[in-house]
Amino acid sequence: MKTIKMMFVSSESVVTTGICFLWTCSMCLGNIQTIESQFSKGKKVATSYKTLQSYSKIKCSEKCFDEKRQNRCSVAGYNTATRTCFLSNDGPQDLLDADEEFGVFLYADPTSMF
């Protein structure tokens, strides 16, 4: 009889753990944000608060997106020749014209998309 009771407690514990895990996953999925970005060649940021060397375009965009969630990055500049990423708080009106090796990632405001 004790063996059956212990198995029941173990099974209940597994079910409880499974339910907690599924609830936690659903909470995480509910917080996923998507932001649309656009890469525009021939533009560069006027100022930057952080410069990152040896970054790919994708990593540069991801880094700015991560910081954007903390209200720190509004646009990411990128130099394809040097693989340099420039994180900036410049607005679209602050961008400068540049040659084709420069570009910027512009992010759509998620609240304006709905």
Protein backbone atom coordinates (compact mmCIF):
# COMPACT_ATOMS: atom_id res chain seq x y z
CA MET A 1 0.00 0.00 0.00
CA LYS A 2 2.80 2.44 0.76
CA THR A 3 4.34 1.80 -2.63
CA ILE A 4 1.12 2.74 -4.43
CA LYS A 5 0.75 5.87 -2.32
CA MET A 6 4.30 6.98 -3.13
CA MET A 7 3.74 6.37 -6.84
CA PHE A 8 0.59 8.47 -6.69
CA VAL A 9 2.46 11.32 -4.99
CA SER A 10 5.21 11.08 -7.60
CA SER A 11 2.67 11.15 -10.42
CA GLU A 12 0.91 14.14 -8.88
CA SER A 13 4.23 15.91 -8.51
CA VAL A 14 5.05 15.28 -12.18
CA VAL A 15 1.65 16.59 -13.26
CA THR A 16 2.01 19.69 -11.08
CA THR A 17 5.49 20.33 -12.46
CA GLY A 18 4.19 19.87 -16.02
CA ILE A 19 1.34 22.31 -15.44
CA CYS A 20 3.71 24.91 -13.97
CA PHE A 21 6.06 24.48 -16.93
CA LEU A 22 3.24 24.92 -19.47
CA TRP A 23 1.92 27.98 -17.64
CA THR A 24 5.41 29.52 -17.59
CA CYS A 25 5.82 28.84 -21.33
CA SER A 26 2.47 30.44 -22.11
CA MET A 27 3.47 33.53 -20.12
CA CYS A 28 6.72 33.79 -22.09
CA LEU A 29 4.97 33.40 -25.42
CA GLY A 30 2.51 36.11 -24.47
CA ASN A 31 5.38 38.60 -24.14
CA ILE A 32 6.98 38.03 -27.54
CA GLN A 33 7.30 41.27 -29.48
CA THR A 34 7.85 41.67 -33.17
CA ILE A 35 9.13 44.84 -34.72
CA GLU A 36 9.49 45.36 -38.42
CA SER A 37 12.83 46.76 -39.57
CA GLN A 38 13.95 48.12 -42.91
CA PHE A 39 17.57 48.52 -44.08
CA SER A 40 18.17 51.66 -46.13
CA LYS A 41 21.46 51.97 -48.04
CA GLY A 42 23.14 55.33 -48.57
CA LYS A 43 22.30 56.73 -45.12
CA LYS A 44 24.25 56.91 -41.86
CA VAL A 45 23.55 58.01 -38.30
CA ALA A 46 24.68 61.47 -37.23
CA THR A 47 25.59 60.38 -33.70
CA SER A 48 26.03 57.04 -31.95
CA TYR A 49 26.25 56.06 -28.31
CA LYS A 50 27.89 52.67 -28.95
CA THR A 51 30.16 51.35 -31.73
CA LEU A 52 30.48 47.60 -32.23
CA GLN A 53 33.26 46.10 -34.38
CA SER A 54 33.10 42.88 -36.45
CA TYR A 55 29.31 42.65 -36.40
CA SER A 56 27.12 41.19 -39.13
CA LYS A 57 24.12 43.16 -40.36
CA ILE A 58 21.77 40.75 -38.62
CA LYS A 59 23.64 40.93 -35.29
CA CYS A 60 23.65 44.74 -35.52
CA SER A 61 19.89 44.80 -36.07
CA GLU A 62 19.32 42.32 -33.22
CA LYS A 63 21.50 44.35 -30.83
CA CYS A 64 19.57 47.55 -31.55
CA PHE A 65 16.28 45.68 -31.20
CA ASP A 66 17.37 44.31 -27.80
CA GLU A 67 18.30 47.80 -26.63
CA LYS A 68 15.14 49.28 -28.17
CA ARG A 69 13.12 47.21 -25.71
CA GLN A 70 14.91 49.22 -22.99
CA ASN A 71 14.31 52.54 -24.82
CA ARG A 72 17.97 52.93 -25.75
CA CYS A 73 18.22 52.47 -29.53
CA SER A 74 16.04 54.06 -32.18
CA VAL A 75 18.19 53.36 -35.24
CA ALA A 76 21.24 51.21 -36.03
CA GLY A 77 23.82 52.39 -38.55
CA TYR A 78 25.97 49.85 -40.38
CA ASN A 79 29.13 50.04 -42.48
CA THR A 80 29.34 46.98 -44.72
CA ALA A 81 33.02 47.54 -45.65
CA THR A 82 34.26 47.56 -42.05
CA ARG A 83 31.44 45.46 -40.51
CA THR A 84 30.89 48.17 -37.92
CA CYS A 85 27.58 48.71 -36.14
CA PHE A 86 26.57 52.11 -34.73
CA LEU A 87 23.77 52.19 -32.16
CA SER A 88 22.03 55.54 -32.08
CA ASN A 89 19.11 57.46 -30.65
CA ASP A 90 18.89 59.62 -33.79
CA GLY A 91 15.51 60.04 -35.41
CA PRO A 92 14.83 59.57 -39.14
CA GLN A 93 15.19 63.33 -39.65
CA ASP A 94 18.76 63.21 -38.23
CA LEU A 95 20.13 60.69 -40.74
CA LEU A 96 22.88 61.83 -43.09
CA ASP A 97 23.40 60.97 -46.75
CA ALA A 98 26.35 58.61 -47.31
CA ASP A 99 27.83 56.31 -49.93
CA GLU A 100 26.51 52.80 -50.56
CA GLU A 101 28.75 51.09 -47.99
CA PHE A 102 26.67 52.69 -45.22
CA GLY A 103 23.11 51.91 -44.29
CA VAL A 104 20.68 52.18 -41.41
CA PHE A 105 18.07 49.93 -39.85
CA LEU A 106 14.83 51.80 -39.34
CA TYR A 107 12.29 50.27 -36.98
CA ALA A 108 8.54 50.63 -37.35
CA ASP A 109 6.67 51.70 -34.26
CA PRO A 110 4.73 48.57 -33.19
CA THR A 111 1.83 50.66 -31.89
CA SER A 112 1.32 52.24 -35.33
CA MET A 113 1.06 48.84 -36.99
CA PHE A 114 -2.35 47.98 -35.48
